[in-house]
Amino acid sequence: MNSMFFLHRLKWAGLLLVANAGLLLYLSLGDLKPASIWDWTDIAGEGGSALLVLLWLALMLKGRPSGRVTNLLFVGLSCLFLSLWMDTLDEFVALPEAWTWDHWLESAPMPIGFILLTVGIYHWHREQLAINAQMINRERHFREHRQFDKVTPLAGAGYLRSQLAVALPQAEESQQPLSLVIVDLDDFNQINARYGHQEGDRVLQLVCQQMLLNLRRHDLLCRLAGDRFAVLLPNTLEAQAQVLAQELSQSIAHLACKSSVQGERIVLTATAVALMARHDDAESLLKRSNLALAHAKQTLQRKRA
């Protein structure tokens, strides 16, 4: 739970700041109602609903990485919470009847929250469909080839080479672009050394799931070896593949990965390169991509130095 507050500390701080600002506003401008006229039914209903929404927020942030969908869900739920929170404050503090702005504070966030929450759930649903499609695709390949990695639910290097051997001639014959993205986790050996190989395997599985969310149905993600992955991209120009490579690298950097023992955040970064096939066979394309990756890592090291 501590890691959750650390990873999303700005979101929590902002929400608590707005909630406390509303409390101070009511207390400074209104008068406390005597306990004898408190409506315990409204207090329980509105206050209890606000606490439940706050619990939903905590559970959502604990289980999701940072990103657009998480932000939509967070802002939507925050609007619902603030609307219920202001309704609850109204049961304890009496404001002058001539003032109407408090009704806006109590009512306006609610429809905004529902709209944002609906958009967030829609995109979350699309994430799940993408994962399911990739899993269906994986099962089909598994039944046909059985060349899959033992740690992640991905095909291995041998299967990638066999697919390249088929896809490269087809792409050249049909004059369609075919690109390859290589993703390599930076300093992954330090994770194995610090947390153990079992925890390292779990991190690889999380990274695999995160990358699947950013791929199309017909893209093929494979694990080359160790901490290195490859994505085969049919009908994709090099510029488009480079954009995807950057998106994959950023998604890994924003992954809310926590150690299973102590709950501390495991910081991940990745180097990704993209190349388009140019009269290559499988081995020459992989060789070119490995050279490009080595050059990118050297450039990164020089910048850090």
C-alpha atoms as a PDB file:
ATOM      1  CA  MET A   1       0.000   0.000   0.000  1.00  0.00           C
ATOM      2  CA  ASN A   2       2.919   2.362   0.742  1.00  0.00           C
ATOM      3  CA  SER A   3       4.212   1.915  -2.806  1.00  0.00           C
ATOM      4  CA  MET A   4       0.775   2.760  -4.174  1.00  0.00           C
ATOM      5  CA  PHE A   5       0.764   6.108  -2.359  1.00  0.00           C
ATOM      6  CA  PHE A   6       4.322   6.714  -3.572  1.00  0.00           C
ATOM      7  CA  LEU A   7       3.586   5.985  -7.224  1.00  0.00           C
ATOM      8  CA  HIS A   8       0.417   8.084  -7.278  1.00  0.00           C
ATOM      9  CA  ARG A   9       1.315  10.540  -4.546  1.00  0.00           C
ATOM     10  CA  LEU A  10       0.544  13.621  -6.652  1.00  0.00           C
ATOM     11  CA  LYS A  11      -2.929  12.330  -7.466  1.00  0.00           C
ATOM     12  CA  TRP A  12      -3.681  11.616  -3.814  1.00  0.00           C
ATOM     13  CA  ALA A  13      -2.211  14.925  -2.675  1.00  0.00           C
ATOM     14  CA  GLY A  14      -4.318  16.836  -5.192  1.00  0.00           C
ATOM     15  CA  LEU A  15      -7.520  15.044  -4.209  1.00  0.00           C
ATOM     16  CA  LEU A  16      -6.940  15.563  -0.482  1.00  0.00           C
ATOM     17  CA  LEU A  17      -6.054  19.213  -1.076  1.00  0.00           C
ATOM     18  CA  VAL A  18      -9.323  19.862  -2.915  1.00  0.00           C
ATOM     19  CA  ALA A  19     -11.362  17.941  -0.299  1.00  0.00           C
ATOM     20  CA  ASN A  20      -9.780  19.898   2.562  1.00  0.00           C
ATOM     21  CA  ALA A  21     -10.250  23.174   0.679  1.00  0.00           C
ATOM     22  CA  GLY A  22     -13.979  22.412   0.467  1.00  0.00           C
ATOM     23  CA  LEU A  23     -14.098  21.640   4.182  1.00  0.00           C
ATOM     24  CA  LEU A  24     -12.308  24.879   5.108  1.00  0.00           C
ATOM     25  CA  LEU A  25     -14.561  26.858   2.744  1.00  0.00           C
ATOM     26  CA  TYR A  26     -17.729  25.556   4.411  1.00  0.00           C
ATOM     27  CA  LEU A  27     -16.371  26.059   7.921  1.00  0.00           C
ATOM     28  CA  SER A  28     -15.222  29.619   7.199  1.00  0.00           C
ATOM     29  CA  LEU A  29     -18.460  30.772   5.534  1.00  0.00           C
ATOM     30  CA  GLY A  30     -21.106  28.749   7.345  1.00  0.00           C
ATOM     31  CA  ASP A  31     -22.202  27.733  10.842  1.00  0.00           C
ATOM     32  CA  LEU A  32     -22.088  24.276  12.363  1.00  0.00           C
ATOM     33  CA  LYS A  33     -25.514  22.721  12.739  1.00  0.00           C
ATOM     34  CA  PRO A  34     -26.482  21.415  16.165  1.00  0.00           C
ATOM     35  CA  ALA A  35     -26.271  17.646  16.475  1.00  0.00           C
ATOM     36  CA  SER A  36     -29.972  17.476  17.227  1.00  0.00           C
ATOM     37  CA  ILE A  37     -30.913  18.333  13.647  1.00  0.00           C
ATOM     38  CA  TRP A  38     -28.373  16.110  11.916  1.00  0.00           C
ATOM     39  CA  ASP A  39     -30.012  13.780   9.404  1.00  0.00           C
ATOM     40  CA  TRP A  40     -28.232  10.499  10.090  1.00  0.00           C
ATOM     41  CA  THR A  41     -29.830   8.816   7.097  1.00  0.00           C
ATOM     42  CA  ASP A  42     -28.316  11.358   4.700  1.00  0.00           C
ATOM     43  CA  ILE A  43     -25.017  11.321   6.579  1.00  0.00           C
ATOM     44  CA  ALA A  44     -24.770   7.543   6.347  1.00  0.00           C
ATOM     45  CA  GLY A  45     -25.866   7.448   2.711  1.00  0.00           C
ATOM     46  CA  GLU A  46     -23.757  10.311   1.373  1.00  0.00           C
ATOM     47  CA  GLY A  47     -20.772   9.869   3.687  1.00  0.00           C
ATOM     48  CA  GLY A  48     -20.732   6.104   3.253  1.00  0.00           C
ATOM     49  CA  SER A  49     -20.900   6.474  -0.530  1.00  0.00           C
ATOM     50  CA  ALA A  50     -18.000   8.940  -0.436  1.00  0.00           C
ATOM     51  CA  LEU A  51     -15.892   6.462   1.561  1.00  0.00           C
ATOM     52  CA  LEU A  52     -16.734   3.645  -0.861  1.00  0.00           C
ATOM     53  CA  VAL A  53     -15.699   5.765  -3.847  1.00  0.00           C
ATOM     54  CA  LEU A  54     -12.460   6.602  -2.026  1.00  0.00           C
ATOM     55  CA  LEU A  55     -11.892   2.856  -1.533  1.00  0.00           C
ATOM     56  CA  TRP A  56     -12.517   2.259  -5.255  1.00  0.00           C
ATOM     57  CA  LEU A  57      -9.897   4.903  -5.995  1.00  0.00           C
ATOM     58  CA  ALA A  58      -7.347   3.167  -3.773  1.00  0.00           C
ATOM     59  CA  LEU A  59      -7.976  -0.250  -5.293  1.00  0.00           C
ATOM     60  CA  MET A  60      -7.844   1.128  -8.834  1.00  0.00           C
ATOM     61  CA  LEU A  61      -4.548   2.934  -8.309  1.00  0.00           C
ATOM     62  CA  LYS A  62      -3.028  -0.043  -6.516  1.00  0.00           C
ATOM     63  CA  GLY A  63      -3.630  -2.313  -9.488  1.00  0.00           C
ATOM     64  CA  ARG A  64      -2.974  -0.014 -12.467  1.00  0.00           C
ATOM     65  CA  PRO A  65       0.110   1.688 -13.911  1.00  0.00           C
ATOM     66  CA  SER A  66       0.149   5.362 -14.745  1.00  0.00           C
ATOM     67  CA  GLY A  67      -1.367   6.346 -18.056  1.00  0.00           C
ATOM     68  CA  ARG A  68      -4.335   7.849 -19.849  1.00  0.00           C
ATOM     69  CA  VAL A  69      -6.869   5.219 -18.770  1.00  0.00           C
ATOM     70  CA  THR A  70      -5.756   5.425 -15.141  1.00  0.00           C
ATOM     71  CA  ASN A  71      -6.028   9.220 -15.231  1.00  0.00           C
ATOM     72  CA  LEU A  72      -9.534   9.095 -16.693  1.00  0.00           C
ATOM     73  CA  LEU A  73     -10.703   6.629 -14.053  1.00  0.00           C
ATOM     74  CA  PHE A  74      -9.029   8.631 -11.293  1.00  0.00           C
ATOM     75  CA  VAL A  75     -10.508  11.997 -12.301  1.00  0.00           C
ATOM     76  CA  GLY A  76     -13.938  10.464 -12.845  1.00  0.00           C
ATOM     77  CA  LEU A  77     -13.991   8.774  -9.444  1.00  0.00           C
ATOM     78  CA  SER A  78     -12.535  11.906  -7.826  1.00  0.00           C
ATOM     79  CA  CYS A  79     -15.429  13.988  -9.177  1.00  0.00           C
ATOM     80  CA  LEU A  80     -17.919  11.493  -7.731  1.00  0.00           C
ATOM     81  CA  PHE A  81     -16.105  11.558  -4.400  1.00  0.00           C
ATOM     82  CA  LEU A  82     -15.997  15.363  -4.238  1.00  0.00           C
ATOM     83  CA  SER A  83     -19.692  15.663  -5.081  1.00  0.00           C
ATOM     84  CA  LEU A  84     -20.607  13.196  -2.314  1.00  0.00           C
ATOM     85  CA  TRP A  85     -18.115  14.852   0.040  1.00  0.00           C
ATOM     86  CA  MET A  86     -19.669  18.304  -0.422  1.00  0.00           C
ATOM     87  CA  ASP A  87     -23.135  16.777   0.054  1.00  0.00           C
ATOM     88  CA  THR A  88     -21.926  15.261   3.324  1.00  0.00           C
ATOM     89  CA  LEU A  89     -20.479  18.584   4.539  1.00  0.00           C
ATOM     90  CA  ASP A  90     -23.859  20.204   3.885  1.00  0.00           C
ATOM     91  CA  GLU A  91     -25.333  17.958   6.571  1.00  0.00           C
ATOM     92  CA  PHE A  92     -23.017  19.457   9.203  1.00  0.00           C
ATOM     93  CA  VAL A  93     -22.602  23.073   8.074  1.00  0.00           C
ATOM     94  CA  ALA A  94     -25.400  25.562   7.339  1.00  0.00           C
ATOM     95  CA  LEU A  95     -24.675  28.191   4.691  1.00  0.00           C
ATOM     96  CA  PRO A  96     -26.827  31.304   4.110  1.00  0.00           C
ATOM     97  CA  GLU A  97     -29.905  30.433   2.071  1.00  0.00           C
ATOM     98  CA  ALA A  98     -29.222  33.260  -0.360  1.00  0.00           C
ATOM     99  CA  TRP A  99     -26.083  31.513  -1.562  1.00  0.00           C
ATOM    100  CA  THR A 100     -26.559  29.022  -4.369  1.00  0.00           C
ATOM    101  CA  TRP A 101     -22.985  28.299  -5.398  1.00  0.00           C
ATOM    102  CA  ASP A 102     -22.804  25.460  -2.878  1.00  0.00           C
ATOM    103  CA  HIS A 103     -25.438  23.575  -4.888  1.00  0.00           C
ATOM    104  CA  TRP A 104     -23.124  23.733  -7.892  1.00  0.00           C
ATOM    105  CA  LEU A 105     -20.267  22.325  -5.820  1.00  0.00           C
ATOM    106  CA  GLU A 106     -22.491  19.470  -4.706  1.00  0.00           C
ATOM    107  CA  SER A 107     -24.078  18.676  -8.081  1.00  0.00           C
ATOM    108  CA  ALA A 108     -21.768  19.740 -10.929  1.00  0.00           C
ATOM    109  CA  PRO A 109     -18.907  17.274 -10.325  1.00  0.00           C
ATOM    110  CA  MET A 110     -21.278  14.272 -10.397  1.00  0.00           C
ATOM    111  CA  PRO A 111     -22.218  14.268 -14.148  1.00  0.00           C
ATOM    112  CA  ILE A 112     -18.645  15.220 -15.114  1.00  0.00           C
ATOM    113  CA  GLY A 113     -17.384  12.303 -13.057  1.00  0.00           C
ATOM    114  CA  PHE A 114     -19.790   9.858 -14.672  1.00  0.00           C
ATOM    115  CA  ILE A 115     -18.802  11.023 -18.173  1.00  0.00           C
ATOM    116  CA  LEU A 116     -15.055  10.677 -17.483  1.00  0.00           C
ATOM    117  CA  LEU A 117     -15.596   7.375 -15.721  1.00  0.00           C
ATOM    118  CA  THR A 118     -17.553   6.055 -18.689  1.00  0.00           C
ATOM    119  CA  VAL A 119     -14.793   7.083 -21.102  1.00  0.00           C
ATOM    120  CA  GLY A 120     -12.187   5.487 -18.841  1.00  0.00           C
ATOM    121  CA  ILE A 121     -14.141   2.227 -18.565  1.00  0.00           C
ATOM    122  CA  TYR A 122     -14.567   2.190 -22.346  1.00  0.00           C
ATOM    123  CA  HIS A 123     -10.797   2.426 -22.889  1.00  0.00           C
ATOM    124  CA  TRP A 124     -10.172  -0.088 -20.106  1.00  0.00           C
ATOM    125  CA  HIS A 125     -12.563  -2.452 -21.910  1.00  0.00           C
ATOM    126  CA  ARG A 126     -10.565  -1.976 -25.124  1.00  0.00           C
ATOM    127  CA  GLU A 127      -7.386  -2.847 -23.189  1.00  0.00           C
ATOM    128  CA  GLN A 128      -8.957  -6.101 -22.073  1.00  0.00           C
ATOM    129  CA  LEU A 129     -10.100  -6.895 -25.611  1.00  0.00           C
ATOM    130  CA  ALA A 130      -6.544  -6.289 -26.858  1.00  0.00           C
ATOM    131  CA  ILE A 131      -5.119  -8.631 -24.230  1.00  0.00           C
ATOM    132  CA  ASN A 132      -7.746 -11.283 -24.985  1.00  0.00           C
ATOM    133  CA  ALA A 133      -7.052 -11.027 -28.711  1.00  0.00           C
ATOM    134  CA  GLN A 134      -3.340 -11.487 -28.123  1.00  0.00           C
ATOM    135  CA  MET A 135      -4.016 -14.458 -25.846  1.00  0.00           C
ATOM    136  CA  ILE A 136      -6.267 -16.059 -28.479  1.00  0.00           C
ATOM    137  CA  ASN A 137      -3.555 -15.461 -31.051  1.00  0.00           C
ATOM    138  CA  ARG A 138      -0.990 -16.993 -28.697  1.00  0.00           C
ATOM    139  CA  GLU A 139      -3.090 -20.099 -28.108  1.00  0.00           C
ATOM    140  CA  ARG A 140      -3.519 -20.590 -31.852  1.00  0.00           C
ATOM    141  CA  HIS A 141       0.223 -20.316 -32.417  1.00  0.00           C
ATOM    142  CA  PHE A 142       0.851 -22.611 -29.466  1.00  0.00           C
ATOM    143  CA  ARG A 143      -1.350 -25.348 -30.905  1.00  0.00           C
ATOM    144  CA  GLU A 144       0.360 -25.016 -34.271  1.00  0.00           C
ATOM    145  CA  HIS A 145       3.996 -24.629 -33.308  1.00  0.00           C
ATOM    146  CA  ARG A 146       4.612 -25.168 -29.554  1.00  0.00           C
ATOM    147  CA  GLN A 147       7.714 -22.961 -29.707  1.00  0.00           C
ATOM    148  CA  PHE A 148       6.931 -20.784 -26.714  1.00  0.00           C
ATOM    149  CA  ASP A 149       9.008 -19.315 -23.948  1.00  0.00           C
ATOM    150  CA  LYS A 150       8.834 -21.026 -20.543  1.00  0.00           C
ATOM    151  CA  VAL A 151       8.614 -17.811 -18.500  1.00  0.00           C
ATOM    152  CA  THR A 152       6.379 -15.502 -20.545  1.00  0.00           C
ATOM    153  CA  PRO A 153       3.335 -16.402 -22.647  1.00  0.00           C
ATOM    154  CA  LEU A 154       5.263 -15.508 -25.790  1.00  0.00           C
ATOM    155  CA  ALA A 155       6.852 -17.266 -28.717  1.00  0.00           C
ATOM    156  CA  GLY A 156      10.607 -17.642 -28.588  1.00  0.00           C
ATOM    157  CA  ALA A 157      13.451 -16.678 -30.908  1.00  0.00           C
ATOM    158  CA  GLY A 158      13.080 -19.819 -33.024  1.00  0.00           C
ATOM    159  CA  TYR A 159       9.451 -19.066 -33.795  1.00  0.00           C
ATOM    160  CA  LEU A 160      10.307 -15.442 -34.659  1.00  0.00           C
ATOM    161  CA  ARG A 161      12.927 -16.625 -37.168  1.00  0.00           C
ATOM    162  CA  SER A 162      10.436 -19.016 -38.753  1.00  0.00           C
ATOM    163  CA  GLN A 163       7.863 -16.222 -39.068  1.00  0.00           C
ATOM    164  CA  LEU A 164      10.452 -13.857 -40.539  1.00  0.00           C
ATOM    165  CA  ALA A 165      11.420 -16.524 -43.079  1.00  0.00           C
ATOM    166  CA  VAL A 166       7.794 -16.544 -44.262  1.00  0.00           C
ATOM    167  CA  ALA A 167       6.894 -12.863 -43.831  1.00  0.00           C
ATOM    168  CA  LEU A 168       9.954 -11.300 -45.484  1.00  0.00           C
ATOM    169  CA  PRO A 169       9.471 -12.904 -48.928  1.00  0.00           C
ATOM    170  CA  GLN A 170       5.726 -12.229 -48.765  1.00  0.00           C
ATOM    171  CA  ALA A 171       6.286  -8.555 -47.931  1.00  0.00           C
ATOM    172  CA  GLU A 172       8.801  -8.152 -50.761  1.00  0.00           C
ATOM    173  CA  GLU A 173       6.560  -9.887 -53.251  1.00  0.00           C
ATOM    174  CA  SER A 174       3.503  -7.827 -52.315  1.00  0.00           C
ATOM    175  CA  GLN A 175       5.607  -4.661 -51.923  1.00  0.00           C
ATOM    176  CA  GLN A 176       4.252  -4.102 -48.415  1.00  0.00           C
ATOM    177  CA  PRO A 177       6.456  -2.695 -45.629  1.00  0.00           C
ATOM    178  CA  LEU A 178       7.556  -5.000 -42.825  1.00  0.00           C
ATOM    179  CA  SER A 179       9.271  -3.660 -39.714  1.00  0.00           C
ATOM    180  CA  LEU A 180      10.881  -5.098 -36.629  1.00  0.00           C
ATOM    181  CA  VAL A 181      11.124  -3.520 -33.172  1.00  0.00           C
ATOM    182  CA  ILE A 182      13.653  -4.732 -30.605  1.00  0.00           C
ATOM    183  CA  VAL A 183      13.061  -3.861 -26.931  1.00  0.00           C
ATOM    184  CA  ASP A 184      15.777  -4.468 -24.347  1.00  0.00           C
ATOM    185  CA  LEU A 185      15.309  -3.861 -20.610  1.00  0.00           C
ATOM    186  CA  ASP A 186      18.118  -1.753 -19.166  1.00  0.00           C
ATOM    187  CA  ASP A 187      20.186  -3.204 -16.291  1.00  0.00           C
ATOM    188  CA  PHE A 188      17.782  -6.100 -15.809  1.00  0.00           C
ATOM    189  CA  ASN A 189      20.565  -8.201 -14.270  1.00  0.00           C
ATOM    190  CA  GLN A 190      20.480  -5.855 -11.270  1.00  0.00           C
ATOM    191  CA  ILE A 191      16.840  -6.802 -10.642  1.00  0.00           C
ATOM    192  CA  ASN A 192      17.749 -10.501 -10.636  1.00  0.00           C
ATOM    193  CA  ALA A 193      20.708  -9.819  -8.343  1.00  0.00           C
ATOM    194  CA  ARG A 194      18.689  -7.759  -5.864  1.00  0.00           C
ATOM    195  CA  TYR A 195      15.338  -9.548  -5.834  1.00  0.00           C
ATOM    196  CA  GLY A 196      16.141 -13.018  -7.174  1.00  0.00           C
ATOM    197  CA  HIS A 197      15.370 -14.777 -10.445  1.00  0.00           C
ATOM    198  CA  GLN A 198      11.809 -15.653  -9.428  1.00  0.00           C
ATOM    199  CA  GLU A 199      11.004 -11.977  -8.962  1.00  0.00           C
ATOM    200  CA  GLY A 200      12.819 -11.213 -12.223  1.00  0.00           C
ATOM    201  CA  ASP A 201      10.597 -13.709 -14.046  1.00  0.00           C
ATOM    202  CA  ARG A 202       7.519 -12.024 -12.589  1.00  0.00           C
ATOM    203  CA  VAL A 203       8.769  -8.636 -13.822  1.00  0.00           C
ATOM    204  CA  LEU A 204       9.242 -10.070 -17.313  1.00  0.00           C
ATOM    205  CA  GLN A 205       5.650 -11.322 -17.270  1.00  0.00           C
ATOM    206  CA  LEU A 206       4.370  -7.869 -16.255  1.00  0.00           C
ATOM    207  CA  VAL A 207       6.447  -6.197 -18.959  1.00  0.00           C
ATOM    208  CA  CYS A 208       5.076  -8.680 -21.488  1.00  0.00           C
ATOM    209  CA  GLN A 209       1.479  -7.839 -20.529  1.00  0.00           C
ATOM    210  CA  GLN A 210       2.211  -4.113 -20.681  1.00  0.00           C
ATOM    211  CA  MET A 211       3.648  -4.350 -24.190  1.00  0.00           C
ATOM    212  CA  LEU A 212       0.708  -6.427 -25.413  1.00  0.00           C
ATOM    213  CA  LEU A 213      -1.586  -3.511 -24.547  1.00  0.00           C
ATOM    214  CA  ASN A 214       0.249  -1.320 -27.064  1.00  0.00           C
ATOM    215  CA  LEU A 215       0.148  -3.740 -30.016  1.00  0.00           C
ATOM    216  CA  ARG A 216      -2.331  -4.388 -32.796  1.00  0.00           C
ATOM    217  CA  ARG A 217      -4.093  -7.696 -33.219  1.00  0.00           C
ATOM    218  CA  HIS A 218      -1.855  -8.859 -36.076  1.00  0.00           C
ATOM    219  CA  ASP A 219       1.470  -7.779 -34.499  1.00  0.00           C
ATOM    220  CA  LEU A 220       3.663 -10.557 -33.136  1.00  0.00           C
ATOM    221  CA  LEU A 221       5.534 -10.126 -29.840  1.00  0.00           C
ATOM    222  CA  CYS A 222       8.296 -12.635 -29.098  1.00  0.00           C
ATOM    223  CA  ARG A 223      10.928 -13.029 -26.410  1.00  0.00           C
ATOM    224  CA  LEU A 224      14.319 -13.255 -28.070  1.00  0.00           C
ATOM    225  CA  ALA A 225      16.368 -14.110 -24.975  1.00  0.00           C
ATOM    226  CA  GLY A 226      16.738 -12.952 -21.400  1.00  0.00           C
ATOM    227  CA  ASP A 227      15.432  -9.398 -21.156  1.00  0.00           C
ATOM    228  CA  ARG A 228      15.152  -8.788 -24.908  1.00  0.00           C
ATOM    229  CA  PHE A 229      11.901  -8.790 -26.890  1.00  0.00           C
ATOM    230  CA  ALA A 230      11.043  -8.422 -30.569  1.00  0.00           C
ATOM    231  CA  VAL A 231       7.872  -7.213 -32.277  1.00  0.00           C
ATOM    232  CA  LEU A 232       7.157  -8.142 -35.890  1.00  0.00           C
ATOM    233  CA  LEU A 233       5.029  -5.437 -37.530  1.00  0.00           C
ATOM    234  CA  PRO A 234       3.335  -6.290 -40.846  1.00  0.00           C
ATOM    235  CA  ASN A 235       2.318  -3.413 -43.140  1.00  0.00           C
ATOM    236  CA  THR A 236       4.277  -0.928 -41.049  1.00  0.00           C
ATOM    237  CA  LEU A 237       6.711   1.730 -42.266  1.00  0.00           C
ATOM    238  CA  GLU A 238       9.897   2.451 -40.357  1.00  0.00           C
ATOM    239  CA  ALA A 239       8.642   5.821 -39.085  1.00  0.00           C
ATOM    240  CA  GLN A 240       5.505   4.166 -37.690  1.00  0.00           C
ATOM    241  CA  ALA A 241       7.608   1.430 -36.096  1.00  0.00           C
ATOM    242  CA  GLN A 242       9.852   4.041 -34.469  1.00  0.00           C
ATOM    243  CA  VAL A 243       6.804   5.694 -32.908  1.00  0.00           C
ATOM    244  CA  LEU A 244       5.675   2.329 -31.551  1.00  0.00           C
ATOM    245  CA  ALA A 245       9.182   1.623 -30.225  1.00  0.00           C
ATOM    246  CA  GLN A 246       9.096   4.886 -28.292  1.00  0.00           C
ATOM    247  CA  GLU A 247       5.592   4.123 -26.967  1.00  0.00           C
ATOM    248  CA  LEU A 248       6.702   0.682 -25.773  1.00  0.00           C
ATOM    249  CA  SER A 249       9.724   2.168 -24.026  1.00  0.00           C
ATOM    250  CA  GLN A 250       7.582   4.820 -22.322  1.00  0.00           C
ATOM    251  CA  SER A 251       4.916   2.309 -21.263  1.00  0.00           C
ATOM    252  CA  ILE A 252       7.575   0.159 -19.578  1.00  0.00           C
ATOM    253  CA  ALA A 253       9.010   3.215 -17.783  1.00  0.00           C
ATOM    254  CA  HIS A 254       5.529   4.043 -16.427  1.00  0.00           C
ATOM    255  CA  LEU A 255       4.762   0.481 -15.349  1.00  0.00           C
ATOM    256  CA  ALA A 256       3.759   0.432 -11.664  1.00  0.00           C
ATOM    257  CA  CYS A 257       5.855  -2.624 -10.865  1.00  0.00           C
ATOM    258  CA  LYS A 258       6.339  -3.439  -7.183  1.00  0.00           C
ATOM    259  CA  SER A 259       8.342  -6.188  -5.514  1.00  0.00           C
ATOM    260  CA  SER A 260       6.135  -8.965  -4.164  1.00  0.00           C
ATOM    261  CA  VAL A 261       8.001  -9.170  -0.836  1.00  0.00           C
ATOM    262  CA  GLN A 262       8.582  -5.606   0.375  1.00  0.00           C
ATOM    263  CA  GLY A 263       6.230  -3.756  -1.959  1.00  0.00           C
ATOM    264  CA  GLU A 264       8.858  -1.255  -3.097  1.00  0.00           C
ATOM    265  CA  ARG A 265       8.752   0.066  -6.637  1.00  0.00           C
ATOM    266  CA  ILE A 266      11.012  -1.619  -9.163  1.00  0.00           C
ATOM    267  CA  VAL A 267      12.115   1.111 -11.566  1.00  0.00           C
ATOM    268  CA  LEU A 268      12.235  -0.112 -15.169  1.00  0.00           C
ATOM    269  CA  THR A 269      13.651   1.471 -18.286  1.00  0.00           C
ATOM    270  CA  ALA A 270      14.038   0.023 -21.762  1.00  0.00           C
ATOM    271  CA  THR A 271      15.920   0.784 -24.951  1.00  0.00           C
ATOM    272  CA  ALA A 272      13.938   0.195 -28.137  1.00  0.00           C
ATOM    273  CA  VAL A 273      14.921   0.443 -31.799  1.00  0.00           C
ATOM    274  CA  ALA A 274      12.939  -0.050 -35.000  1.00  0.00           C
ATOM    275  CA  LEU A 275      14.045  -1.096 -38.482  1.00  0.00           C
ATOM    276  CA  MET A 276      12.187  -1.785 -41.704  1.00  0.00           C
ATOM    277  CA  ALA A 277      13.178  -4.775 -43.808  1.00  0.00           C
ATOM    278  CA  ARG A 278      15.155  -3.854 -46.942  1.00  0.00           C
ATOM    279  CA  HIS A 279      15.862  -6.959 -49.036  1.00  0.00           C
ATOM    280  CA  ASP A 280      16.825  -8.800 -45.831  1.00  0.00           C
ATOM    281  CA  ASP A 281      16.560 -12.398 -44.822  1.00  0.00           C
ATOM    282  CA  ALA A 282      15.732 -13.286 -41.216  1.00  0.00           C
ATOM    283  CA  GLU A 283      19.331 -13.380 -39.988  1.00  0.00           C
ATOM    284  CA  SER A 284      20.446 -10.159 -41.669  1.00  0.00           C
ATOM    285  CA  LEU A 285      17.431  -8.244 -40.328  1.00  0.00           C
ATOM    286  CA  LEU A 286      18.071  -9.527 -36.795  1.00  0.00           C
ATOM    287  CA  LYS A 287      21.761  -8.693 -37.148  1.00  0.00           C
ATOM    288  CA  ARG A 288      20.976  -5.141 -38.260  1.00  0.00           C
ATOM    289  CA  SER A 289      18.516  -4.689 -35.387  1.00  0.00           C
ATOM    290  CA  ASN A 290      21.023  -5.958 -32.820  1.00  0.00           C
ATOM    291  CA  LEU A 291      23.663  -3.536 -34.136  1.00  0.00           C
ATOM    292  CA  ALA A 292      21.157  -0.675 -33.966  1.00  0.00           C
ATOM    293  CA  LEU A 293      20.269  -1.653 -30.406  1.00  0.00           C
ATOM    294  CA  ALA A 294      23.929  -1.780 -29.377  1.00  0.00           C
ATOM    295  CA  HIS A 295      24.487   1.665 -30.889  1.00  0.00           C
ATOM    296  CA  ALA A 296      21.418   3.055 -29.076  1.00  0.00           C
ATOM    297  CA  LYS A 297      22.618   1.679 -25.750  1.00  0.00           C
ATOM    298  CA  GLN A 298      26.101   3.163 -26.271  1.00  0.00           C
ATOM    299  CA  THR A 299      24.557   6.534 -27.063  1.00  0.00           C
ATOM    300  CA  LEU A 300      22.438   6.322 -23.908  1.00  0.00           C
ATOM    301  CA  GLN A 301      25.451   5.462 -21.767  1.00  0.00           C
ATOM    302  CA  ARG A 302      27.401   8.421 -23.156  1.00  0.00           C
ATOM    303  CA  LYS A 303      24.503  10.745 -22.330  1.00  0.00           C
ATOM    304  CA  ARG A 304      24.337   9.411 -18.786  1.00  0.00           C
ATOM    305  CA  ALA A 305      28.089   9.846 -18.381  1.00  0.00           C
END
